[in-house]
Amino acid sequence: RTPAPIPDTDEEPDGEEQAEDGQECAVELLLDTREEGGAVQYLVRWSGYTEAHDTWEDEGAIISKELITEFERAKRFEAL
């Protein structure tokens, strides 16, 4: 579940996602990936939140495709 957005933040988000109330939350980084029910999901660290608020989000819910590309590139590099 996407956490509620932090009010009055001046931070430029890397990626954003719609919270349940329609506001956007900034994605700090993607931590991991898994396949759940045939769908690819990413473990999201939300900007301004701790690891206790990390959530698994479907690939299609991550607005910034650049974040996904960077995560996959770093994952391939670590495998070398």
N, C-alpha and C. Protein backbone atom coordinates (compact mmCIF):
# COMPACT_ATOMS: atom_id res chain seq x y z
N ARG A 1 0.84 -1.18 0.00
CA ARG A 1 0.00 0.00 0.00
C ARG A 1 0.88 1.24 0.00
N THR A 2 0.62 2.15 -0.88
CA THR A 2 1.39 3.37 -1.02
C THR A 2 1.17 4.26 0.19
N PRO A 3 2.24 4.75 0.82
CA PRO A 3 2.07 5.63 1.97
C PRO A 3 1.49 6.97 1.57
N ALA A 4 0.93 7.64 2.56
CA ALA A 4 0.39 8.98 2.31
C ALA A 4 1.55 9.92 1.98
N PRO A 5 1.34 10.87 1.10
CA PRO A 5 2.42 11.79 0.74
C PRO A 5 2.84 12.66 1.90
N ILE A 6 4.07 13.11 1.86
CA ILE A 6 4.59 14.02 2.87
C ILE A 6 4.20 15.43 2.45
N PRO A 7 3.52 16.15 3.31
CA PRO A 7 3.13 17.51 2.93
C PRO A 7 4.32 18.46 2.91
N ASP A 8 4.22 19.50 2.07
CA ASP A 8 5.20 20.58 2.02
C ASP A 8 6.63 20.13 1.80
N THR A 9 6.85 19.22 0.87
CA THR A 9 8.22 18.79 0.56
C THR A 9 8.70 19.57 -0.66
N ASP A 10 9.94 20.04 -0.60
CA ASP A 10 10.54 20.76 -1.72
C ASP A 10 11.39 19.85 -2.58
N GLU A 11 11.40 18.58 -2.26
CA GLU A 11 12.27 17.61 -2.93
C GLU A 11 11.77 17.33 -4.34
N GLU A 12 12.70 17.25 -5.29
CA GLU A 12 12.36 16.85 -6.65
C GLU A 12 12.28 15.34 -6.69
N PRO A 13 11.13 14.75 -7.00
CA PRO A 13 11.01 13.30 -6.99
C PRO A 13 11.68 12.64 -8.19
N ASP A 14 12.24 11.45 -7.96
CA ASP A 14 12.79 10.64 -9.05
C ASP A 14 11.65 9.99 -9.82
N GLY A 15 10.65 9.58 -9.11
CA GLY A 15 9.49 8.94 -9.69
C GLY A 15 8.34 9.20 -8.75
N GLU A 16 7.14 9.13 -9.25
CA GLU A 16 5.99 9.39 -8.41
C GLU A 16 4.95 8.34 -8.65
N GLU A 17 4.11 8.16 -7.66
CA GLU A 17 3.02 7.21 -7.76
C GLU A 17 1.80 7.81 -7.09
N GLN A 18 0.64 7.48 -7.57
CA GLN A 18 -0.58 8.00 -7.00
C GLN A 18 -0.90 7.29 -5.70
N ALA A 19 -1.12 8.05 -4.64
CA ALA A 19 -1.58 7.50 -3.37
C ALA A 19 -3.08 7.28 -3.47
N GLU A 20 -3.65 6.61 -2.50
CA GLU A 20 -5.07 6.31 -2.53
C GLU A 20 -5.93 7.57 -2.58
N ASP A 21 -5.43 8.66 -2.02
CA ASP A 21 -6.22 9.90 -2.01
C ASP A 21 -5.98 10.75 -3.26
N GLY A 22 -5.24 10.20 -4.24
CA GLY A 22 -5.01 10.89 -5.50
C GLY A 22 -3.76 11.74 -5.54
N GLN A 23 -3.10 11.96 -4.39
CA GLN A 23 -1.86 12.73 -4.38
C GLN A 23 -0.71 11.83 -4.81
N GLU A 24 0.39 12.45 -5.24
CA GLU A 24 1.54 11.68 -5.70
C GLU A 24 2.59 11.56 -4.61
N CYS A 25 3.21 10.38 -4.54
CA CYS A 25 4.31 10.12 -3.60
C CYS A 25 5.58 9.94 -4.41
N ALA A 26 6.69 10.41 -3.87
CA ALA A 26 7.97 10.29 -4.56
C ALA A 26 8.62 8.95 -4.23
N VAL A 27 9.12 8.28 -5.26
CA VAL A 27 9.88 7.04 -5.09
C VAL A 27 11.34 7.42 -4.90
N GLU A 28 11.94 6.98 -3.80
CA GLU A 28 13.36 7.24 -3.56
C GLU A 28 14.20 6.29 -4.37
N LEU A 29 13.91 4.99 -4.26
CA LEU A 29 14.61 3.99 -5.06
C LEU A 29 13.88 2.67 -5.04
N LEU A 30 14.25 1.82 -5.99
CA LEU A 30 13.74 0.47 -6.06
C LEU A 30 14.76 -0.45 -5.42
N LEU A 31 14.30 -1.33 -4.53
CA LEU A 31 15.21 -2.15 -3.74
C LEU A 31 15.33 -3.59 -4.22
N ASP A 32 14.25 -4.13 -4.77
CA ASP A 32 14.23 -5.54 -5.15
C ASP A 32 13.13 -5.75 -6.17
N THR A 33 13.09 -6.95 -6.73
CA THR A 33 12.06 -7.31 -7.69
C THR A 33 11.61 -8.74 -7.41
N ARG A 34 10.37 -9.03 -7.78
CA ARG A 34 9.82 -10.37 -7.64
C ARG A 34 8.71 -10.55 -8.66
N GLU A 35 8.30 -11.80 -8.84
CA GLU A 35 7.16 -12.09 -9.70
C GLU A 35 6.05 -12.62 -8.81
N GLU A 36 4.91 -11.97 -8.85
CA GLU A 36 3.77 -12.33 -8.01
C GLU A 36 2.54 -12.49 -8.88
N GLY A 37 2.04 -13.70 -8.98
CA GLY A 37 0.85 -13.95 -9.80
C GLY A 37 1.07 -13.63 -11.27
N GLY A 38 2.29 -13.83 -11.76
CA GLY A 38 2.60 -13.56 -13.15
C GLY A 38 2.94 -12.11 -13.44
N ALA A 39 2.87 -11.24 -12.44
CA ALA A 39 3.18 -9.82 -12.62
C ALA A 39 4.52 -9.50 -11.95
N VAL A 40 5.30 -8.65 -12.59
CA VAL A 40 6.56 -8.19 -12.01
C VAL A 40 6.24 -7.09 -11.01
N GLN A 41 6.85 -7.19 -9.82
CA GLN A 41 6.68 -6.18 -8.79
C GLN A 41 8.04 -5.70 -8.32
N TYR A 42 8.08 -4.45 -7.86
CA TYR A 42 9.30 -3.86 -7.33
C TYR A 42 9.06 -3.43 -5.89
N LEU A 43 10.08 -3.64 -5.05
CA LEU A 43 10.03 -3.17 -3.68
C LEU A 43 10.46 -1.71 -3.68
N VAL A 44 9.57 -0.84 -3.27
CA VAL A 44 9.76 0.60 -3.37
C VAL A 44 10.12 1.20 -2.02
N ARG A 45 11.18 2.03 -1.98
CA ARG A 45 11.49 2.87 -0.83
C ARG A 45 10.94 4.25 -1.17
N TRP A 46 10.04 4.73 -0.33
CA TRP A 46 9.39 6.02 -0.55
C TRP A 46 10.23 7.15 0.02
N SER A 47 10.38 8.19 -0.73
CA SER A 47 11.17 9.34 -0.32
C SER A 47 10.58 9.94 0.96
N GLY A 48 11.45 10.07 1.98
CA GLY A 48 11.02 10.65 3.24
C GLY A 48 10.46 9.64 4.22
N TYR A 49 10.44 8.36 3.85
CA TYR A 49 9.92 7.30 4.71
C TYR A 49 11.01 6.29 5.03
N THR A 50 10.81 5.52 6.08
CA THR A 50 11.77 4.51 6.48
C THR A 50 11.45 3.18 5.80
N GLU A 51 12.32 2.21 6.02
CA GLU A 51 12.12 0.88 5.43
C GLU A 51 10.83 0.22 5.92
N ALA A 52 10.33 0.65 7.05
CA ALA A 52 9.06 0.10 7.55
C ALA A 52 7.90 0.42 6.61
N HIS A 53 8.07 1.42 5.76
CA HIS A 53 7.02 1.82 4.83
C HIS A 53 7.26 1.32 3.40
N ASP A 54 8.33 0.53 3.19
CA ASP A 54 8.59 -0.03 1.86
C ASP A 54 7.40 -0.90 1.45
N THR A 55 7.05 -0.82 0.17
CA THR A 55 5.92 -1.62 -0.33
C THR A 55 6.26 -2.25 -1.67
N TRP A 56 5.61 -3.37 -1.95
CA TRP A 56 5.73 -4.01 -3.26
C TRP A 56 4.70 -3.38 -4.18
N GLU A 57 5.14 -2.91 -5.32
CA GLU A 57 4.26 -2.25 -6.30
C GLU A 57 4.41 -2.92 -7.65
N ASP A 58 3.28 -3.07 -8.36
CA ASP A 58 3.32 -3.64 -9.71
C ASP A 58 4.14 -2.75 -10.64
N GLU A 59 4.80 -3.39 -11.59
CA GLU A 59 5.63 -2.67 -12.56
C GLU A 59 4.87 -1.53 -13.22
N GLY A 60 3.63 -1.76 -13.59
CA GLY A 60 2.83 -0.75 -14.27
C GLY A 60 2.49 0.45 -13.40
N ALA A 61 2.62 0.29 -12.08
CA ALA A 61 2.30 1.38 -11.17
C ALA A 61 3.47 2.34 -10.97
N ILE A 62 4.67 1.92 -11.40
CA ILE A 62 5.84 2.79 -11.26
C ILE A 62 5.84 3.75 -12.44
N ILE A 63 5.59 5.00 -12.17
CA ILE A 63 5.45 5.99 -13.24
C ILE A 63 6.78 6.22 -13.96
N SER A 64 7.88 6.26 -13.21
CA SER A 64 9.17 6.55 -13.81
C SER A 64 9.82 5.27 -14.36
N LYS A 65 9.73 5.08 -15.65
CA LYS A 65 10.36 3.92 -16.27
C LYS A 65 11.89 4.02 -16.18
N GLU A 66 12.40 5.25 -16.01
CA GLU A 66 13.83 5.45 -15.84
C GLU A 66 14.32 4.77 -14.55
N LEU A 67 13.52 4.82 -13.49
CA LEU A 67 13.88 4.13 -12.24
C LEU A 67 14.01 2.62 -12.47
N ILE A 68 13.09 2.07 -13.22
CA ILE A 68 13.13 0.63 -13.50
C ILE A 68 14.37 0.30 -14.32
N THR A 69 14.67 1.11 -15.34
CA THR A 69 15.85 0.89 -16.18
C THR A 69 17.12 0.95 -15.34
N GLU A 70 17.24 1.95 -14.47
CA GLU A 70 18.42 2.09 -13.61
C GLU A 70 18.55 0.90 -12.66
N PHE A 71 17.43 0.46 -12.10
CA PHE A 71 17.45 -0.68 -11.18
C PHE A 71 17.92 -1.94 -11.90
N GLU A 72 17.37 -2.21 -13.08
CA GLU A 72 17.74 -3.41 -13.85
C GLU A 72 19.21 -3.34 -14.27
N ARG A 73 19.69 -2.17 -14.64
CA ARG A 73 21.09 -2.00 -15.03
C ARG A 73 22.00 -2.29 -13.84
N ALA A 74 21.69 -1.76 -12.67
CA ALA A 74 22.50 -1.99 -11.47
C ALA A 74 22.46 -3.46 -11.07
N LYS A 75 21.32 -4.10 -11.23
CA LYS A 75 21.18 -5.52 -10.89
C LYS A 75 22.07 -6.38 -11.80
N ARG A 76 22.10 -6.06 -13.10
CA ARG A 76 22.96 -6.81 -14.03
C ARG A 76 24.43 -6.58 -13.70
N PHE A 77 24.78 -5.35 -13.33
CA PHE A 77 26.17 -5.03 -12.98
C PHE A 77 26.62 -5.81 -11.74
N GLU A 78 25.73 -5.92 -10.74
CA GLU A 78 26.05 -6.66 -9.52
C GLU A 78 26.26 -8.15 -9.81
N ALA A 79 25.60 -8.67 -10.83
CA ALA A 79 25.70 -10.09 -11.16
C ALA A 79 27.03 -10.45 -11.80
N LEU A 80 27.77 -9.45 -12.28
CA LEU A 80 29.06 -9.72 -12.94
C LEU A 80 30.12 -10.11 -11.97
